[in-house]
PDB file of all heavy atoms in Angstrom:
ATOM      1  N   VAL A   1       6.763 -23.826  -4.060  1.00  0.00           N
ATOM      2  CA  VAL A   1       7.199 -22.681  -3.258  1.00  0.00           C
ATOM      3  C   VAL A   1       7.161 -21.400  -4.099  1.00  0.00           C
ATOM      4  O   VAL A   1       6.660 -20.363  -3.642  1.00  0.00           O
ATOM      5  CB  VAL A   1       8.611 -22.925  -2.684  1.00  0.00           C
ATOM      6  CG1 VAL A   1       9.184 -21.653  -2.081  1.00  0.00           C
ATOM      7  CG2 VAL A   1       8.565 -24.022  -1.647  1.00  0.00           C
ATOM      8  N   PHE A   2       7.667 -21.454  -5.312  1.00  0.00           N
ATOM      9  CA  PHE A   2       7.645 -20.277  -6.177  1.00  0.00           C
ATOM     10  C   PHE A   2       6.217 -19.876  -6.541  1.00  0.00           C
ATOM     11  O   PHE A   2       5.911 -18.695  -6.677  1.00  0.00           O
ATOM     12  CB  PHE A   2       8.466 -20.501  -7.446  1.00  0.00           C
ATOM     13  CG  PHE A   2       9.955 -20.560  -7.197  1.00  0.00           C
ATOM     14  CD1 PHE A   2      10.734 -21.437  -7.912  1.00  0.00           C
ATOM     15  CD2 PHE A   2      10.558 -19.758  -6.261  1.00  0.00           C
ATOM     16  CE1 PHE A   2      12.101 -21.500  -7.701  1.00  0.00           C
ATOM     17  CE2 PHE A   2      11.917 -19.807  -6.029  1.00  0.00           C
ATOM     18  CZ  PHE A   2      12.698 -20.683  -6.752  1.00  0.00           C
ATOM     19  N   LEU A   3       5.334 -20.866  -6.691  1.00  0.00           N
ATOM     20  CA  LEU A   3       3.929 -20.581  -6.954  1.00  0.00           C
ATOM     21  C   LEU A   3       3.325 -19.794  -5.795  1.00  0.00           C
ATOM     22  O   LEU A   3       2.602 -18.813  -6.011  1.00  0.00           O
ATOM     23  CB  LEU A   3       3.160 -21.887  -7.182  1.00  0.00           C
ATOM     24  CG  LEU A   3       1.663 -21.772  -7.435  1.00  0.00           C
ATOM     25  CD1 LEU A   3       1.376 -20.982  -8.703  1.00  0.00           C
ATOM     26  CD2 LEU A   3       1.045 -23.159  -7.545  1.00  0.00           C
ATOM     27  N   LEU A   4       3.633 -20.180  -4.572  1.00  0.00           N
ATOM     28  CA  LEU A   4       3.158 -19.425  -3.400  1.00  0.00           C
ATOM     29  C   LEU A   4       3.725 -18.007  -3.394  1.00  0.00           C
ATOM     30  O   LEU A   4       3.039 -17.057  -3.025  1.00  0.00           O
ATOM     31  CB  LEU A   4       3.525 -20.154  -2.114  1.00  0.00           C
ATOM     32  CG  LEU A   4       2.779 -21.454  -1.857  1.00  0.00           C
ATOM     33  CD1 LEU A   4       3.328 -22.150  -0.619  1.00  0.00           C
ATOM     34  CD2 LEU A   4       1.291 -21.212  -1.723  1.00  0.00           C
ATOM     35  N   GLY A   5       4.981 -17.864  -3.820  1.00  0.00           N
ATOM     36  CA  GLY A   5       5.583 -16.532  -3.927  1.00  0.00           C
ATOM     37  C   GLY A   5       4.863 -15.664  -4.952  1.00  0.00           C
ATOM     38  O   GLY A   5       4.659 -14.465  -4.740  1.00  0.00           O
ATOM     39  N   CYS A   6       4.458 -16.274  -6.057  1.00  0.00           N
ATOM     40  CA  CYS A   6       3.708 -15.534  -7.075  1.00  0.00           C
ATOM     41  C   CYS A   6       2.346 -15.097  -6.552  1.00  0.00           C
ATOM     42  O   CYS A   6       1.906 -13.975  -6.811  1.00  0.00           O
ATOM     43  CB  CYS A   6       3.548 -16.382  -8.338  1.00  0.00           C
ATOM     44  SG  CYS A   6       5.075 -16.575  -9.269  1.00  0.00           S
ATOM     45  N   VAL A   7       1.693 -15.965  -5.814  1.00  0.00           N
ATOM     46  CA  VAL A   7       0.406 -15.609  -5.215  1.00  0.00           C
ATOM     47  C   VAL A   7       0.601 -14.459  -4.224  1.00  0.00           C
ATOM     48  O   VAL A   7      -0.208 -13.519  -4.180  1.00  0.00           O
ATOM     49  CB  VAL A   7      -0.248 -16.833  -4.532  1.00  0.00           C
ATOM     50  CG1 VAL A   7      -1.465 -16.437  -3.723  1.00  0.00           C
ATOM     51  CG2 VAL A   7      -0.612 -17.873  -5.584  1.00  0.00           C
ATOM     52  N   ALA A   8       1.687 -14.492  -3.471  1.00  0.00           N
ATOM     53  CA  ALA A   8       1.993 -13.391  -2.544  1.00  0.00           C
ATOM     54  C   ALA A   8       2.204 -12.090  -3.305  1.00  0.00           C
ATOM     55  O   ALA A   8       1.756 -11.021  -2.866  1.00  0.00           O
ATOM     56  CB  ALA A   8       3.222 -13.737  -1.714  1.00  0.00           C
ATOM     57  N   ALA A   9       2.858 -12.149  -4.460  1.00  0.00           N
ATOM     58  CA  ALA A   9       3.072 -10.943  -5.273  1.00  0.00           C
ATOM     59  C   ALA A   9       1.747 -10.389  -5.784  1.00  0.00           C
ATOM     60  O   ALA A   9       1.572  -9.172  -5.878  1.00  0.00           O
ATOM     61  CB  ALA A   9       4.005 -11.257  -6.447  1.00  0.00           C
ATOM     62  N   ILE A  10       0.815 -11.272  -6.103  1.00  0.00           N
ATOM     63  CA  ILE A  10      -0.488 -10.829  -6.596  1.00  0.00           C
ATOM     64  C   ILE A  10      -1.237 -10.057  -5.502  1.00  0.00           C
ATOM     65  O   ILE A  10      -1.797  -8.990  -5.754  1.00  0.00           O
ATOM     66  CB  ILE A  10      -1.340 -12.032  -7.065  1.00  0.00           C
ATOM     67  CG1 ILE A  10      -0.708 -12.673  -8.302  1.00  0.00           C
ATOM     68  CG2 ILE A  10      -2.772 -11.598  -7.358  1.00  0.00           C
ATOM     69  CD1 ILE A  10      -1.311 -14.020  -8.687  1.00  0.00           C
ATOM     70  N   VAL A  11      -1.250 -10.585  -4.294  1.00  0.00           N
ATOM     71  CA  VAL A  11      -2.068  -9.990  -3.233  1.00  0.00           C
ATOM     72  C   VAL A  11      -1.351  -8.907  -2.421  1.00  0.00           C
ATOM     73  O   VAL A  11      -2.012  -8.165  -1.697  1.00  0.00           O
ATOM     74  CB  VAL A  11      -2.637 -11.070  -2.283  1.00  0.00           C
ATOM     75  CG1 VAL A  11      -3.489 -12.052  -3.039  1.00  0.00           C
ATOM     76  CG2 VAL A  11      -1.534 -11.769  -1.518  1.00  0.00           C
ATOM     77  N   LEU A  12      -0.036  -8.801  -2.532  1.00  0.00           N
ATOM     78  CA  LEU A  12       0.716  -7.827  -1.735  1.00  0.00           C
ATOM     79  C   LEU A  12       0.160  -6.414  -1.804  1.00  0.00           C
ATOM     80  O   LEU A  12      -0.083  -5.794  -0.765  1.00  0.00           O
ATOM     81  CB  LEU A  12       2.199  -7.822  -2.119  1.00  0.00           C
ATOM     82  CG  LEU A  12       3.014  -6.713  -1.464  1.00  0.00           C
ATOM     83  CD1 LEU A  12       3.424  -7.141  -0.063  1.00  0.00           C
ATOM     84  CD2 LEU A  12       4.213  -6.355  -2.282  1.00  0.00           C
ATOM     85  N   PRO A  13      -0.062  -5.849  -2.996  1.00  0.00           N
ATOM     86  CA  PRO A  13      -0.550  -4.466  -3.030  1.00  0.00           C
ATOM     87  C   PRO A  13      -1.926  -4.270  -2.385  1.00  0.00           C
ATOM     88  O   PRO A  13      -2.262  -3.171  -1.970  1.00  0.00           O
ATOM     89  CB  PRO A  13      -0.629  -4.149  -4.527  1.00  0.00           C
ATOM     90  CG  PRO A  13       0.244  -5.142  -5.192  1.00  0.00           C
ATOM     91  CD  PRO A  13       0.191  -6.373  -4.336  1.00  0.00           C
ATOM     92  N   TYR A  14      -2.704  -5.316  -2.303  1.00  0.00           N
ATOM     93  CA  TYR A  14      -4.046  -5.215  -1.752  1.00  0.00           C
ATOM     94  C   TYR A  14      -4.081  -5.588  -0.270  1.00  0.00           C
ATOM     95  O   TYR A  14      -4.833  -5.011   0.498  1.00  0.00           O
ATOM     96  CB  TYR A  14      -5.000  -6.113  -2.546  1.00  0.00           C
ATOM     97  CG  TYR A  14      -4.910  -5.840  -4.029  1.00  0.00           C
ATOM     98  CD1 TYR A  14      -4.230  -6.704  -4.879  1.00  0.00           C
ATOM     99  CD2 TYR A  14      -5.462  -4.687  -4.568  1.00  0.00           C
ATOM    100  CE1 TYR A  14      -4.119  -6.433  -6.232  1.00  0.00           C
ATOM    101  CE2 TYR A  14      -5.364  -4.414  -5.936  1.00  0.00           C
ATOM    102  CZ  TYR A  14      -4.689  -5.292  -6.753  1.00  0.00           C
ATOM    103  OH  TYR A  14      -4.576  -5.019  -8.089  1.00  0.00           O
ATOM    104  N   ARG A  15      -3.273  -6.542   0.110  1.00  0.00           N
ATOM    105  CA  ARG A  15      -3.249  -7.028   1.493  1.00  0.00           C
ATOM    106  C   ARG A  15      -2.402  -6.128   2.387  1.00  0.00           C
ATOM    107  O   ARG A  15      -2.749  -5.885   3.533  1.00  0.00           O
ATOM    108  CB  ARG A  15      -2.702  -8.462   1.503  1.00  0.00           C
ATOM    109  CG  ARG A  15      -2.558  -9.085   2.843  1.00  0.00           C
ATOM    110  CD  ARG A  15      -3.847  -9.759   3.280  1.00  0.00           C
ATOM    111  NE  ARG A  15      -3.632 -10.610   4.428  1.00  0.00           N
ATOM    112  CZ  ARG A  15      -3.724 -10.180   5.677  1.00  0.00           C
ATOM    113  NH1 ARG A  15      -4.006  -8.942   5.932  1.00  0.00           N
ATOM    114  NH2 ARG A  15      -3.536 -11.015   6.682  1.00  0.00           N
ATOM    115  N   LEU A  16      -1.269  -5.663   1.886  1.00  0.00           N
ATOM    116  CA  LEU A  16      -0.358  -4.799   2.652  1.00  0.00           C
ATOM    117  C   LEU A  16      -0.198  -3.462   1.933  1.00  0.00           C
ATOM    118  O   LEU A  16       0.869  -3.110   1.435  1.00  0.00           O
ATOM    119  CB  LEU A  16       0.993  -5.498   2.832  1.00  0.00           C
ATOM    120  CG  LEU A  16       0.968  -6.837   3.573  1.00  0.00           C
ATOM    121  CD1 LEU A  16       2.311  -7.522   3.519  1.00  0.00           C
ATOM    122  CD2 LEU A  16       0.524  -6.649   5.013  1.00  0.00           C
ATOM    123  N   ARG A  17      -1.282  -2.707   1.880  1.00  0.00           N
ATOM    124  CA  ARG A  17      -1.314  -1.449   1.127  1.00  0.00           C
ATOM    125  C   ARG A  17      -0.249  -0.459   1.574  1.00  0.00           C
ATOM    126  O   ARG A  17       0.362   0.205   0.762  1.00  0.00           O
ATOM    127  CB  ARG A  17      -2.679  -0.787   1.270  1.00  0.00           C
ATOM    128  CG  ARG A  17      -3.756  -1.431   0.459  1.00  0.00           C
ATOM    129  CD  ARG A  17      -5.009  -0.542   0.474  1.00  0.00           C
ATOM    130  NE  ARG A  17      -6.116  -1.190  -0.171  1.00  0.00           N
ATOM    131  CZ  ARG A  17      -6.295  -1.257  -1.484  1.00  0.00           C
ATOM    132  NH1 ARG A  17      -5.404  -0.725  -2.279  1.00  0.00           N
ATOM    133  NH2 ARG A  17      -7.337  -1.872  -1.980  1.00  0.00           N
ATOM    134  N   LYS A  18      -0.032  -0.378   2.864  1.00  0.00           N
ATOM    135  CA  LYS A  18       0.929   0.594   3.399  1.00  0.00           C
ATOM    136  C   LYS A  18       2.341   0.294   2.898  1.00  0.00           C
ATOM    137  O   LYS A  18       3.077   1.194   2.504  1.00  0.00           O
ATOM    138  CB  LYS A  18       0.878   0.572   4.927  1.00  0.00           C
ATOM    139  CG  LYS A  18       1.600   1.692   5.585  1.00  0.00           C
ATOM    140  CD  LYS A  18       1.343   1.660   7.090  1.00  0.00           C
ATOM    141  CE  LYS A  18       2.051   2.794   7.781  1.00  0.00           C
ATOM    142  NZ  LYS A  18       1.840   2.764   9.226  1.00  0.00           N
ATOM    143  N   ILE A  19       2.707  -0.975   2.900  1.00  0.00           N
ATOM    144  CA  ILE A  19       4.030  -1.363   2.421  1.00  0.00           C
ATOM    145  C   ILE A  19       4.142  -1.110   0.923  1.00  0.00           C
ATOM    146  O   ILE A  19       5.119  -0.567   0.438  1.00  0.00           O
ATOM    147  CB  ILE A  19       4.320  -2.830   2.762  1.00  0.00           C
ATOM    148  CG1 ILE A  19       4.469  -2.991   4.268  1.00  0.00           C
ATOM    149  CG2 ILE A  19       5.567  -3.331   2.040  1.00  0.00           C
ATOM    150  CD1 ILE A  19       4.547  -4.405   4.738  1.00  0.00           C
ATOM    151  N   TYR A  20       3.106  -1.467   0.175  1.00  0.00           N
ATOM    152  CA  TYR A  20       3.119  -1.250  -1.269  1.00  0.00           C
ATOM    153  C   TYR A  20       3.178   0.242  -1.589  1.00  0.00           C
ATOM    154  O   TYR A  20       3.933   0.671  -2.465  1.00  0.00           O
ATOM    155  CB  TYR A  20       1.893  -1.884  -1.923  1.00  0.00           C
ATOM    156  CG  TYR A  20       1.790  -1.572  -3.390  1.00  0.00           C
ATOM    157  CD1 TYR A  20       2.681  -2.130  -4.292  1.00  0.00           C
ATOM    158  CD2 TYR A  20       0.820  -0.713  -3.878  1.00  0.00           C
ATOM    159  CE1 TYR A  20       2.604  -1.838  -5.643  1.00  0.00           C
ATOM    160  CE2 TYR A  20       0.730  -0.415  -5.225  1.00  0.00           C
ATOM    161  CZ  TYR A  20       1.627  -0.975  -6.099  1.00  0.00           C
ATOM    162  OH  TYR A  20       1.563  -0.677  -7.430  1.00  0.00           O
ATOM    163  N   SER A  21       2.422   1.038  -0.858  1.00  0.00           N
ATOM    164  CA  SER A  21       2.396   2.478  -1.106  1.00  0.00           C
ATOM    165  C   SER A  21       3.729   3.141  -0.822  1.00  0.00           C
ATOM    166  O   SER A  21       4.071   4.152  -1.430  1.00  0.00           O
ATOM    167  CB  SER A  21       1.304   3.136  -0.277  1.00  0.00           C
ATOM    168  OG  SER A  21       0.044   2.648  -0.659  1.00  0.00           O
ATOM    169  N   SER A  22       4.488   2.594   0.115  1.00  0.00           N
ATOM    170  CA  SER A  22       5.775   3.198   0.462  1.00  0.00           C
ATOM    171  C   SER A  22       6.902   2.703  -0.440  1.00  0.00           C
ATOM    172  O   SER A  22       8.031   3.145  -0.326  1.00  0.00           O
ATOM    173  CB  SER A  22       6.120   2.925   1.923  1.00  0.00           C
ATOM    174  OG  SER A  22       6.322   1.542   2.115  1.00  0.00           O
ATOM    175  N   SER A  23       6.596   1.768  -1.357  1.00  0.00           N
ATOM    176  CA  SER A  23       7.608   1.269  -2.287  1.00  0.00           C
ATOM    177  C   SER A  23       7.501   2.035  -3.600  1.00  0.00           C
ATOM    178  O   SER A  23       6.724   2.985  -3.736  1.00  0.00           O
ATOM    179  CB  SER A  23       7.415  -0.222  -2.532  1.00  0.00           C
ATOM    180  OG  SER A  23       6.216  -0.429  -3.254  1.00  0.00           O
ATOM    181  N   ILE A  24       8.255   1.608  -4.570  1.00  0.00           N
ATOM    182  CA  ILE A  24       8.181   2.206  -5.897  1.00  0.00           C
ATOM    183  C   ILE A  24       6.944   1.635  -6.577  1.00  0.00           C
ATOM    184  O   ILE A  24       6.960   0.514  -7.077  1.00  0.00           O
ATOM    185  CB  ILE A  24       9.446   1.902  -6.724  1.00  0.00           C
ATOM    186  CG1 ILE A  24      10.668   2.436  -5.995  1.00  0.00           C
ATOM    187  CG2 ILE A  24       9.329   2.485  -8.113  1.00  0.00           C
ATOM    188  CD1 ILE A  24      11.970   2.011  -6.621  1.00  0.00           C
ATOM    189  N   LYS A  25       5.864   2.397  -6.557  1.00  0.00           N
ATOM    190  CA  LYS A  25       4.613   1.911  -7.141  1.00  0.00           C
ATOM    191  C   LYS A  25       4.692   2.039  -8.658  1.00  0.00           C
ATOM    192  O   LYS A  25       5.030   3.085  -9.189  1.00  0.00           O
ATOM    193  CB  LYS A  25       3.430   2.709  -6.623  1.00  0.00           C
ATOM    194  CG  LYS A  25       3.128   2.473  -5.184  1.00  0.00           C
ATOM    195  CD  LYS A  25       1.820   3.065  -4.716  1.00  0.00           C
ATOM    196  CE  LYS A  25       1.363   4.269  -5.440  1.00  0.00           C
ATOM    197  NZ  LYS A  25       0.160   4.870  -4.905  1.00  0.00           N
ATOM    198  N   SER A  26       4.387   0.962  -9.319  1.00  0.00           N
ATOM    199  CA  SER A  26       4.331   0.970 -10.774  1.00  0.00           C
ATOM    200  C   SER A  26       3.069   0.228 -11.176  1.00  0.00           C
ATOM    201  O   SER A  26       2.846  -0.904 -10.752  1.00  0.00           O
ATOM    202  CB  SER A  26       5.575   0.288 -11.347  1.00  0.00           C
ATOM    203  OG  SER A  26       5.551   0.365 -12.750  1.00  0.00           O
ATOM    204  N   GLU A  27       2.253   0.896 -11.980  1.00  0.00           N
ATOM    205  CA  GLU A  27       0.971   0.307 -12.349  1.00  0.00           C
ATOM    206  C   GLU A  27       0.734   0.431 -13.844  1.00  0.00           C
ATOM    207  O   GLU A  27       1.232   1.357 -14.485  1.00  0.00           O
ATOM    208  CB  GLU A  27      -0.162   0.983 -11.579  1.00  0.00           C
ATOM    209  CG  GLU A  27      -0.040   0.795 -10.074  1.00  0.00           C
ATOM    210  CD  GLU A  27      -1.148   1.497  -9.303  1.00  0.00           C
ATOM    211  OE1 GLU A  27      -1.895   2.287  -9.906  1.00  0.00           O
ATOM    212  OE2 GLU A  27      -1.252   1.247  -8.091  1.00  0.00           O
ATOM    213  N   ILE A  28      -0.009  -0.502 -14.374  1.00  0.00           N
ATOM    214  CA  ILE A  28      -0.448  -0.468 -15.766  1.00  0.00           C
ATOM    215  C   ILE A  28      -1.967  -0.514 -15.741  1.00  0.00           C
ATOM    216  O   ILE A  28      -2.556  -1.497 -15.257  1.00  0.00           O
ATOM    217  CB  ILE A  28       0.120  -1.650 -16.568  1.00  0.00           C
ATOM    218  CG1 ILE A  28       1.647  -1.565 -16.618  1.00  0.00           C
ATOM    219  CG2 ILE A  28      -0.479  -1.674 -17.977  1.00  0.00           C
ATOM    220  CD1 ILE A  28       2.313  -2.745 -17.290  1.00  0.00           C
ATOM    221  N   LEU A  29      -2.589   0.559 -16.220  1.00  0.00           N
ATOM    222  CA  LEU A  29      -4.043   0.677 -16.219  1.00  0.00           C
ATOM    223  C   LEU A  29      -4.633   0.469 -14.824  1.00  0.00           C
ATOM    224  O   LEU A  29      -5.669  -0.172 -14.646  1.00  0.00           O
ATOM    225  CB  LEU A  29      -4.684  -0.284 -17.221  1.00  0.00           C
ATOM    226  CG  LEU A  29      -4.264  -0.116 -18.694  1.00  0.00           C
ATOM    227  CD1 LEU A  29      -4.845  -1.243 -19.540  1.00  0.00           C
ATOM    228  CD2 LEU A  29      -4.708   1.241 -19.215  1.00  0.00           C
ATOM    229  N   GLY A  30      -3.929   0.953 -13.813  1.00  0.00           N
ATOM    230  CA  GLY A  30      -4.394   0.863 -12.441  1.00  0.00           C
ATOM    231  C   GLY A  30      -4.114  -0.455 -11.747  1.00  0.00           C
ATOM    232  O   GLY A  30      -4.451  -0.618 -10.588  1.00  0.00           O
ATOM    233  N   VAL A  31      -3.488  -1.408 -12.452  1.00  0.00           N
ATOM    234  CA  VAL A  31      -3.166  -2.707 -11.852  1.00  0.00           C
ATOM    235  C   VAL A  31      -1.677  -2.711 -11.506  1.00  0.00           C
ATOM    236  O   VAL A  31      -0.838  -2.430 -12.364  1.00  0.00           O
ATOM    237  CB  VAL A  31      -3.494  -3.867 -12.819  1.00  0.00           C
ATOM    238  CG1 VAL A  31      -3.134  -5.198 -12.198  1.00  0.00           C
ATOM    239  CG2 VAL A  31      -4.957  -3.825 -13.225  1.00  0.00           C
ATOM    240  N   PRO A  32      -1.330  -3.021 -10.275  1.00  0.00           N
ATOM    241  CA  PRO A  32       0.087  -3.040  -9.885  1.00  0.00           C
ATOM    242  C   PRO A  32       0.891  -4.021 -10.747  1.00  0.00           C
ATOM    243  O   PRO A  32       0.456  -5.152 -10.995  1.00  0.00           O
ATOM    244  CB  PRO A  32       0.060  -3.496  -8.427  1.00  0.00           C
ATOM    245  CG  PRO A  32      -1.322  -3.181  -7.956  1.00  0.00           C
ATOM    246  CD  PRO A  32      -2.202  -3.330  -9.148  1.00  0.00           C
ATOM    247  N   VAL A  33       2.058  -3.568 -11.201  1.00  0.00           N
ATOM    248  CA  VAL A  33       2.918  -4.405 -12.034  1.00  0.00           C
ATOM    249  C   VAL A  33       3.346  -5.664 -11.292  1.00  0.00           C
ATOM    250  O   VAL A  33       3.416  -6.751 -11.875  1.00  0.00           O
ATOM    251  CB  VAL A  33       4.160  -3.611 -12.529  1.00  0.00           C
ATOM    252  CG1 VAL A  33       5.152  -4.514 -13.226  1.00  0.00           C
ATOM    253  CG2 VAL A  33       3.727  -2.487 -13.452  1.00  0.00           C
TER     254      VAL A  33
END
């Protein structure tokens, strides 16, 4: 279950851009933290 949560964290900024953009965006070298 936690592994699936980690996969969701990886794809969230790319799959749900609007939600990610409206949150506190933090990136390292252009990759979302």
